[in-house]
Amino acid sequence: MKTYSQFILESQEVLNKITKNWERNHPGMKAHATISQQGDIRLHSLEVPKDQRGKGIGTRFMGGLTKVADKQGKRITLSQQAEPGYKKKLDTFYKKFNFKSNKGRNKDFSVSDTMIRNPNS
């Protein structure tokens, strides 16, 4: 039986492979995700260069990441950092992948990130 540390390490290796593959296939794109101590996937950054936006690169990346998260039963957390003038567009982008704002009556205090996506079953 695997220890929790082994499980976290293996999950992190999968995330590293996904992000490195995308960065190699899409020059200029940067993505960074880690596994938190709670076992969640934390998306630290997803950057698509302006000249490559609107081509579905970020959408395909998020589709792959959410598929992995669903398969492993992990939630994804993130705190978006939009460029000036892009906050509403970024909100819409993440909501397409079932992210919810982590605030108000439904706030999950175990997470400091501003958005959460629970795994689909």
C-alpha atoms as a PDB file:
ATOM      1  CA  MET A   1       0.000   0.000   0.000  1.00  0.00           C
ATOM      2  CA  LYS A   2       1.294   3.458  -0.917  1.00  0.00           C
ATOM      3  CA  THR A   3       1.956   6.050   1.711  1.00  0.00           C
ATOM      4  CA  TYR A   4       0.333   9.464   1.419  1.00  0.00           C
ATOM      5  CA  SER A   5       3.734  10.983   0.594  1.00  0.00           C
ATOM      6  CA  GLN A   6       4.232   8.498  -2.252  1.00  0.00           C
ATOM      7  CA  PHE A   7       0.757   9.300  -3.564  1.00  0.00           C
ATOM      8  CA  ILE A   8       1.503  13.062  -3.513  1.00  0.00           C
ATOM      9  CA  LEU A   9       4.872  12.542  -5.218  1.00  0.00           C
ATOM     10  CA  GLU A  10       3.382  10.403  -8.000  1.00  0.00           C
ATOM     11  CA  SER A  11       0.593  12.927  -8.557  1.00  0.00           C
ATOM     12  CA  GLN A  12       3.128  15.745  -8.758  1.00  0.00           C
ATOM     13  CA  GLU A  13       5.139  13.805 -11.361  1.00  0.00           C
ATOM     14  CA  VAL A  14       1.999  13.461 -13.507  1.00  0.00           C
ATOM     15  CA  LEU A  15       1.377  17.220 -13.262  1.00  0.00           C
ATOM     16  CA  ASN A  16       4.990  17.979 -14.175  1.00  0.00           C
ATOM     17  CA  LYS A  17       4.739  15.793 -17.285  1.00  0.00           C
ATOM     18  CA  ILE A  18       1.509  17.489 -18.374  1.00  0.00           C
ATOM     19  CA  THR A  19       2.860  21.017 -17.985  1.00  0.00           C
ATOM     20  CA  LYS A  20       6.244  20.288 -19.589  1.00  0.00           C
ATOM     21  CA  ASN A  21       4.565  18.599 -22.555  1.00  0.00           C
ATOM     22  CA  TRP A  22       2.257  21.584 -23.115  1.00  0.00           C
ATOM     23  CA  GLU A  23       5.082  24.082 -22.790  1.00  0.00           C
ATOM     24  CA  ARG A  24       7.163  22.102 -25.297  1.00  0.00           C
ATOM     25  CA  ASN A  25       4.303  21.845 -27.811  1.00  0.00           C
ATOM     26  CA  HIS A  26       3.187  25.461 -27.363  1.00  0.00           C
ATOM     27  CA  PRO A  27       6.269  27.714 -27.129  1.00  0.00           C
ATOM     28  CA  GLY A  28       5.699  30.726 -24.918  1.00  0.00           C
ATOM     29  CA  MET A  29       2.987  29.055 -22.856  1.00  0.00           C
ATOM     30  CA  LYS A  30       3.717  28.642 -19.173  1.00  0.00           C
ATOM     31  CA  ALA A  31       1.830  26.520 -16.691  1.00  0.00           C
ATOM     32  CA  HIS A  32       2.640  25.611 -13.124  1.00  0.00           C
ATOM     33  CA  ALA A  33       0.600  23.293 -10.897  1.00  0.00           C
ATOM     34  CA  THR A  34       1.380  21.467  -7.671  1.00  0.00           C
ATOM     35  CA  ILE A  35      -0.289  19.071  -5.270  1.00  0.00           C
ATOM     36  CA  SER A  36      -1.167  20.745  -1.970  1.00  0.00           C
ATOM     37  CA  GLN A  37      -0.793  19.087   1.431  1.00  0.00           C
ATOM     38  CA  GLN A  38      -4.547  18.427   1.343  1.00  0.00           C
ATOM     39  CA  GLY A  39      -4.087  16.517  -1.924  1.00  0.00           C
ATOM     40  CA  ASP A  40      -5.694  19.186  -4.133  1.00  0.00           C
ATOM     41  CA  ILE A  41      -4.267  20.265  -7.462  1.00  0.00           C
ATOM     42  CA  ARG A  42      -3.273  23.927  -7.138  1.00  0.00           C
ATOM     43  CA  LEU A  43      -2.920  25.803 -10.401  1.00  0.00           C
ATOM     44  CA  HIS A  44      -0.393  28.550  -9.689  1.00  0.00           C
ATOM     45  CA  SER A  45      -0.252  29.983 -13.189  1.00  0.00           C
ATOM     46  CA  LEU A  46      -1.445  29.498 -16.726  1.00  0.00           C
ATOM     47  CA  GLU A  47      -0.037  31.950 -19.230  1.00  0.00           C
ATOM     48  CA  VAL A  48      -0.781  31.948 -22.943  1.00  0.00           C
ATOM     49  CA  PRO A  49       1.048  34.629 -24.942  1.00  0.00           C
ATOM     50  CA  LYS A  50      -1.248  37.323 -26.353  1.00  0.00           C
ATOM     51  CA  ASP A  51      -0.447  36.391 -29.955  1.00  0.00           C
ATOM     52  CA  GLN A  52      -1.553  32.783 -29.270  1.00  0.00           C
ATOM     53  CA  ARG A  53      -4.781  33.540 -27.402  1.00  0.00           C
ATOM     54  CA  GLY A  54      -8.098  32.586 -28.936  1.00  0.00           C
ATOM     55  CA  LYS A  55      -6.680  29.422 -30.501  1.00  0.00           C
ATOM     56  CA  GLY A  56      -7.926  27.023 -27.827  1.00  0.00           C
ATOM     57  CA  ILE A  57      -4.534  26.363 -26.235  1.00  0.00           C
ATOM     58  CA  GLY A  58      -5.618  27.288 -22.695  1.00  0.00           C
ATOM     59  CA  THR A  59      -8.935  25.495 -23.162  1.00  0.00           C
ATOM     60  CA  ARG A  60      -7.222  22.264 -24.210  1.00  0.00           C
ATOM     61  CA  PHE A  61      -4.783  22.535 -21.294  1.00  0.00           C
ATOM     62  CA  MET A  62      -7.593  23.055 -18.778  1.00  0.00           C
ATOM     63  CA  GLY A  63      -9.591  20.232 -20.371  1.00  0.00           C
ATOM     64  CA  GLY A  64      -6.660  17.883 -19.867  1.00  0.00           C
ATOM     65  CA  LEU A  65      -6.018  19.086 -16.322  1.00  0.00           C
ATOM     66  CA  THR A  66      -9.670  18.705 -15.308  1.00  0.00           C
ATOM     67  CA  LYS A  67      -9.758  15.240 -16.869  1.00  0.00           C
ATOM     68  CA  VAL A  68      -6.762  14.172 -14.769  1.00  0.00           C
ATOM     69  CA  ALA A  69      -8.317  15.740 -11.655  1.00  0.00           C
ATOM     70  CA  ASP A  70     -11.627  13.955 -12.243  1.00  0.00           C
ATOM     71  CA  LYS A  71      -9.890  10.625 -12.843  1.00  0.00           C
ATOM     72  CA  GLN A  72      -7.919  10.999  -9.595  1.00  0.00           C
ATOM     73  CA  GLY A  73     -10.877  12.436  -7.653  1.00  0.00           C
ATOM     74  CA  LYS A  74      -9.021  15.679  -6.874  1.00  0.00           C
ATOM     75  CA  ARG A  75     -10.339  19.182  -6.689  1.00  0.00           C
ATOM     76  CA  ILE A  76      -8.481  22.033  -8.362  1.00  0.00           C
ATOM     77  CA  THR A  77      -7.891  25.358  -6.655  1.00  0.00           C
ATOM     78  CA  LEU A  78      -6.523  28.609  -8.045  1.00  0.00           C
ATOM     79  CA  SER A  79      -6.261  32.318  -7.447  1.00  0.00           C
ATOM     80  CA  GLN A  80      -6.556  34.115 -10.730  1.00  0.00           C
ATOM     81  CA  GLN A  81      -4.267  37.013 -11.515  1.00  0.00           C
ATOM     82  CA  ALA A  82      -5.711  38.624 -14.605  1.00  0.00           C
ATOM     83  CA  GLU A  83      -3.973  41.237 -16.679  1.00  0.00           C
ATOM     84  CA  PRO A  84      -5.705  44.624 -16.561  1.00  0.00           C
ATOM     85  CA  GLY A  85      -8.966  44.446 -18.499  1.00  0.00           C
ATOM     86  CA  TYR A  86      -9.092  40.615 -18.590  1.00  0.00           C
ATOM     87  CA  LYS A  87     -10.664  39.755 -15.214  1.00  0.00           C
ATOM     88  CA  LYS A  88     -14.209  39.219 -16.509  1.00  0.00           C
ATOM     89  CA  LYS A  89     -12.956  37.164 -19.470  1.00  0.00           C
ATOM     90  CA  LEU A  90     -10.821  35.041 -17.140  1.00  0.00           C
ATOM     91  CA  ASP A  91     -13.806  34.498 -14.799  1.00  0.00           C
ATOM     92  CA  THR A  92     -15.849  33.267 -17.771  1.00  0.00           C
ATOM     93  CA  PHE A  93     -12.985  31.013 -18.896  1.00  0.00           C
ATOM     94  CA  TYR A  94     -12.682  29.233 -15.538  1.00  0.00           C
ATOM     95  CA  LYS A  95     -16.444  28.958 -15.056  1.00  0.00           C
ATOM     96  CA  LYS A  96     -16.582  26.934 -18.312  1.00  0.00           C
ATOM     97  CA  PHE A  97     -14.645  24.289 -16.374  1.00  0.00           C
ATOM     98  CA  ASN A  98     -17.034  24.396 -13.370  1.00  0.00           C
ATOM     99  CA  PHE A  99     -14.875  26.570 -11.126  1.00  0.00           C
ATOM    100  CA  LYS A 100     -16.807  28.385  -8.421  1.00  0.00           C
ATOM    101  CA  SER A 101     -15.826  31.469  -6.449  1.00  0.00           C
ATOM    102  CA  ASN A 102     -14.587  30.589  -2.981  1.00  0.00           C
ATOM    103  CA  LYS A 103     -16.413  33.308  -1.091  1.00  0.00           C
ATOM    104  CA  GLY A 104     -19.617  34.159   0.680  1.00  0.00           C
ATOM    105  CA  ARG A 105     -21.930  31.586   2.170  1.00  0.00           C
ATOM    106  CA  ASN A 106     -20.201  28.654   0.417  1.00  0.00           C
ATOM    107  CA  LYS A 107     -16.604  29.625   1.282  1.00  0.00           C
ATOM    108  CA  ASP A 108     -14.297  26.686   1.994  1.00  0.00           C
ATOM    109  CA  PHE A 109     -11.991  27.970   4.723  1.00  0.00           C
ATOM    110  CA  SER A 110      -9.569  25.056   4.255  1.00  0.00           C
ATOM    111  CA  VAL A 111      -8.403  26.751   1.035  1.00  0.00           C
ATOM    112  CA  SER A 112      -7.046  30.273   0.632  1.00  0.00           C
ATOM    113  CA  ASP A 113      -7.476  30.280  -3.170  1.00  0.00           C
ATOM    114  CA  THR A 114     -10.270  32.326  -4.719  1.00  0.00           C
ATOM    115  CA  MET A 115     -11.678  29.618  -7.015  1.00  0.00           C
ATOM    116  CA  ILE A 116     -12.390  25.890  -6.512  1.00  0.00           C
ATOM    117  CA  ARG A 117     -13.430  23.105  -8.855  1.00  0.00           C
ATOM    118  CA  ASN A 118     -14.640  19.871  -7.317  1.00  0.00           C
ATOM    119  CA  PRO A 119     -14.073  16.642  -9.270  1.00  0.00           C
ATOM    120  CA  ASN A 120     -16.890  15.384 -11.477  1.00  0.00           C
ATOM    121  CA  SER A 121     -17.908  11.825 -10.761  1.00  0.00           C
END
